[in-house]
Amino acid sequence: AAALLAVSLLATGCCTARYEHLAEPSEDVFPSLFEEKVVEFEPGMEVRYVETGDGLPIVLLHGIAADHHQWNRNLARLGLYYHVFALDFPGHGKSSRVAGYPYSIERCAGAVLAMLDAEGIERAILVGNSMGGHVAMQLAVDHPDRVERLVLVDAVGGTRLRWKERTLSGTGLALSDLVPLVLGSECLLRFGVPFVLE
């Protein structure tokens, strides 16, 4: 057992040293690029987000138990071509955490909508990872007019959404037609696939 522990510690130490350069960068790596902002989306509840770049708006939505730092490696690169936002969902990162607050996917989608309104953004590309994908789908179902495109990265959820009640404007294509794409384990709705066609 002692030999196994020694090998484990040695292997862990080697791996840590070997991959140390891949550690998540802190926001300080790009101090001049990210502007931090805050918007109140419900009385007493604020959501914080960062912004960089110019052009077509993209909103990056993190997974559960993460925050906008999940996207640090993407923010600077995407900011060269797009107007990029990454927020902390309620209860995550620097956003409000209130005991007893009824956190939900719908309220997270409301926080994203409040940020879009505060920035004067009519339509945006939503990129959601894990829980962020569920939030992106919820926003797309509730407010399809606000979603330019939908990119889902290992998204969860979606089966609770009322896909069949909505159709893509002017196409006759029901959102239920997209469910196999959305729920596929490796499938993404990519930038090139319009979510709402008009």
Protein backbone atom coordinates (compact mmCIF):
# COMPACT_ATOMS: atom_id res chain seq x y z
CA ALA A 1 0.00 0.00 0.00
CA ALA A 2 2.87 2.38 0.82
CA ALA A 3 4.47 1.65 -2.56
CA LEU A 4 1.17 2.36 -4.34
CA LEU A 5 0.82 5.64 -2.45
CA ALA A 6 4.40 6.63 -3.35
CA VAL A 7 3.79 5.84 -7.04
CA SER A 8 0.53 7.80 -6.98
CA LEU A 9 2.17 10.83 -5.39
CA LEU A 10 5.08 10.66 -7.82
CA ALA A 11 2.72 10.38 -10.82
CA THR A 12 0.58 13.25 -9.55
CA GLY A 13 3.65 15.41 -9.04
CA CYS A 14 4.92 14.62 -12.52
CA CYS A 15 1.56 15.35 -14.10
CA THR A 16 1.22 18.60 -12.22
CA ALA A 17 4.66 19.76 -13.29
CA ARG A 18 4.16 18.55 -16.86
CA TYR A 19 0.84 20.33 -17.35
CA GLU A 20 1.49 23.37 -15.17
CA HIS A 21 1.67 25.59 -18.29
CA LEU A 22 -1.92 24.56 -19.10
CA ALA A 23 -3.33 25.94 -15.84
CA GLU A 24 -6.30 28.23 -16.32
CA PRO A 25 -5.07 31.79 -16.75
CA SER A 26 -6.44 34.36 -14.40
CA GLU A 27 -8.28 37.38 -15.72
CA ASP A 28 -5.13 39.40 -14.96
CA VAL A 29 -3.50 37.82 -18.02
CA PHE A 30 -5.63 40.16 -20.18
CA PRO A 31 -6.24 43.16 -17.88
CA SER A 32 -6.70 45.73 -20.65
CA LEU A 33 -9.13 43.64 -22.72
CA PHE A 34 -11.96 42.84 -20.32
CA GLU A 35 -14.35 45.39 -18.95
CA GLU A 36 -16.36 44.13 -15.99
CA LYS A 37 -19.97 45.26 -15.74
CA VAL A 38 -22.99 44.57 -13.59
CA VAL A 39 -26.74 44.66 -14.21
CA GLU A 40 -29.64 44.11 -11.82
CA PHE A 41 -31.97 41.51 -13.34
CA GLU A 42 -34.36 41.23 -10.40
CA PRO A 43 -34.70 43.43 -7.30
CA GLY A 44 -31.63 42.77 -5.17
CA MET A 45 -30.10 40.33 -7.69
CA GLU A 46 -27.16 41.39 -9.82
CA VAL A 47 -25.34 39.55 -12.55
CA ARG A 48 -21.73 40.42 -13.36
CA TYR A 49 -20.16 39.99 -16.75
CA VAL A 50 -17.10 40.87 -18.79
CA GLU A 51 -17.00 42.30 -22.28
CA THR A 52 -14.39 42.55 -25.01
CA GLY A 53 -14.15 43.12 -28.74
CA ASP A 54 -16.44 44.61 -31.33
CA GLY A 55 -18.77 43.25 -33.99
CA LEU A 56 -21.50 40.62 -33.94
CA PRO A 57 -22.41 39.88 -30.28
CA ILE A 58 -21.59 36.50 -28.78
CA VAL A 59 -22.60 35.53 -25.24
CA LEU A 60 -20.59 32.75 -23.58
CA LEU A 61 -22.56 30.80 -20.95
CA HIS A 62 -20.62 28.69 -18.45
CA GLY A 63 -21.45 25.36 -16.85
CA ILE A 64 -22.61 24.65 -13.30
CA ALA A 65 -20.17 25.43 -10.48
CA ALA A 66 -18.07 27.55 -12.87
CA ASP A 67 -18.02 31.23 -13.80
CA HIS A 68 -16.99 33.42 -16.72
CA HIS A 69 -13.33 32.46 -16.19
CA GLN A 70 -14.20 29.16 -17.88
CA TRP A 71 -13.98 31.13 -21.14
CA ASN A 72 -10.68 32.98 -20.50
CA ARG A 73 -8.91 31.22 -23.33
CA ASN A 74 -11.72 32.07 -25.74
CA LEU A 75 -12.43 35.67 -24.76
CA ALA A 76 -9.32 37.31 -26.17
CA ARG A 77 -9.34 35.30 -29.40
CA LEU A 78 -13.07 35.76 -30.10
CA GLY A 79 -12.75 39.42 -29.13
CA LEU A 80 -10.58 39.95 -32.21
CA TYR A 81 -13.62 39.28 -34.42
CA TYR A 82 -16.76 39.61 -32.27
CA HIS A 83 -18.30 41.63 -29.44
CA VAL A 84 -17.98 39.00 -26.72
CA PHE A 85 -19.71 38.78 -23.34
CA ALA A 86 -19.20 36.17 -20.62
CA LEU A 87 -21.31 36.34 -17.49
CA ASP A 88 -21.48 34.74 -14.09
CA PHE A 89 -24.90 33.14 -13.58
CA PRO A 90 -26.79 34.00 -10.38
CA GLY A 91 -25.11 32.19 -7.49
CA HIS A 92 -21.86 31.83 -9.46
CA GLY A 93 -18.65 33.86 -9.59
CA LYS A 94 -19.18 37.50 -8.65
CA SER A 95 -22.94 37.53 -9.28
CA SER A 96 -25.42 37.77 -6.40
CA ARG A 97 -25.72 34.84 -4.01
CA VAL A 98 -28.75 35.04 -1.79
CA ALA A 99 -29.82 32.32 0.63
CA GLY A 100 -33.29 31.08 -0.17
CA TYR A 101 -33.33 32.56 -3.70
CA PRO A 102 -35.17 30.19 -6.08
CA TYR A 103 -32.31 29.56 -8.53
CA SER A 104 -33.47 28.04 -11.81
CA ILE A 105 -32.63 27.72 -15.48
CA GLU A 106 -35.43 30.18 -16.26
CA ARG A 107 -33.97 32.78 -13.88
CA CYS A 108 -30.51 32.31 -15.40
CA ALA A 109 -32.06 32.88 -18.84
CA GLY A 110 -33.70 36.01 -17.41
CA ALA A 111 -30.29 37.24 -16.24
CA VAL A 112 -28.89 36.77 -19.77
CA LEU A 113 -31.87 38.64 -21.21
CA ALA A 114 -31.34 41.50 -18.73
CA MET A 115 -27.71 41.73 -19.80
CA LEU A 116 -28.71 41.83 -23.48
CA ASP A 117 -31.24 44.58 -22.70
CA ALA A 118 -28.70 46.60 -20.69
CA GLU A 119 -26.26 46.42 -23.60
CA GLY A 120 -28.93 47.29 -26.18
CA ILE A 121 -28.41 44.00 -28.02
CA GLU A 122 -31.39 42.83 -30.07
CA ARG A 123 -29.96 39.47 -31.17
CA ALA A 124 -26.87 37.52 -30.14
CA ILE A 125 -25.12 34.24 -30.75
CA LEU A 126 -25.43 32.14 -27.59
CA VAL A 127 -22.65 29.67 -26.80
CA GLY A 128 -23.58 27.43 -23.90
CA ASN A 129 -21.52 24.75 -22.20
CA SER A 130 -23.16 22.16 -19.95
CA MET A 131 -25.76 24.02 -17.84
CA GLY A 132 -25.06 27.10 -19.97
CA GLY A 133 -26.36 25.12 -22.94
CA HIS A 134 -29.61 24.48 -21.10
CA VAL A 135 -29.88 28.18 -20.31
CA ALA A 136 -29.20 29.02 -23.97
CA MET A 137 -31.92 26.61 -25.12
CA GLN A 138 -34.38 28.06 -22.58
CA LEU A 139 -33.71 31.58 -23.84
CA ALA A 140 -34.04 30.44 -27.45
CA VAL A 141 -37.40 28.80 -26.74
CA ASP A 142 -38.76 31.72 -24.69
CA HIS A 143 -37.33 34.52 -26.86
CA PRO A 144 -36.37 33.16 -30.30
CA ASP A 145 -36.32 36.71 -31.65
CA ARG A 146 -33.28 37.46 -29.44
CA VAL A 147 -31.16 34.50 -30.61
CA GLU A 148 -29.11 34.88 -33.78
CA ARG A 149 -27.49 31.47 -33.54
CA LEU A 150 -27.21 28.76 -30.93
CA VAL A 151 -23.99 26.85 -30.19
CA LEU A 152 -24.27 23.99 -27.69
CA VAL A 153 -21.13 22.47 -26.21
CA ASP A 154 -21.80 19.29 -24.20
CA ALA A 155 -25.13 20.83 -23.21
CA VAL A 156 -27.43 19.29 -20.64
CA GLY A 157 -31.19 19.53 -20.38
CA GLY A 158 -33.48 20.44 -23.21
CA THR A 159 -35.91 17.56 -22.76
CA ARG A 160 -38.08 19.69 -20.45
CA LEU A 161 -38.40 22.48 -23.00
CA ARG A 162 -41.62 22.76 -24.96
CA TRP A 163 -40.00 22.41 -28.36
CA LYS A 164 -43.15 21.48 -30.28
CA GLU A 165 -44.97 24.66 -29.32
CA ARG A 166 -42.56 26.86 -31.26
CA THR A 167 -41.67 27.06 -34.94
CA LEU A 168 -38.86 28.76 -36.74
CA SER A 169 -40.21 31.99 -38.15
CA GLY A 170 -41.22 31.75 -41.80
CA THR A 171 -39.84 28.24 -42.38
CA GLY A 172 -42.52 25.87 -41.15
CA LEU A 173 -39.70 23.99 -39.41
CA ALA A 174 -40.61 23.13 -35.83
CA LEU A 175 -38.05 23.36 -33.06
CA SER A 176 -38.86 19.71 -32.39
CA ASP A 177 -37.04 18.98 -35.67
CA LEU A 178 -33.87 20.25 -33.98
CA VAL A 179 -34.15 18.05 -30.89
CA PRO A 180 -32.04 15.19 -32.33
CA LEU A 181 -29.31 17.71 -33.14
CA VAL A 182 -29.50 19.36 -29.73
CA LEU A 183 -29.57 16.15 -27.72
CA GLY A 184 -26.84 14.29 -29.64
CA SER A 185 -23.83 13.70 -27.39
CA GLU A 186 -21.34 15.09 -29.90
CA CYS A 187 -23.68 17.27 -31.97
CA LEU A 188 -23.46 21.04 -32.01
CA LEU A 189 -25.58 23.69 -33.58
CA ARG A 190 -22.67 25.56 -35.08
CA PHE A 191 -22.21 29.22 -36.01
CA GLY A 192 -23.15 28.42 -39.60
CA VAL A 193 -26.55 26.97 -38.71
CA PRO A 194 -29.11 29.75 -38.21
CA PHE A 195 -31.46 29.15 -35.32
CA VAL A 196 -34.10 31.61 -36.48
CA LEU A 197 -34.55 32.03 -40.21
CA GLU A 198 -36.53 35.03 -41.42
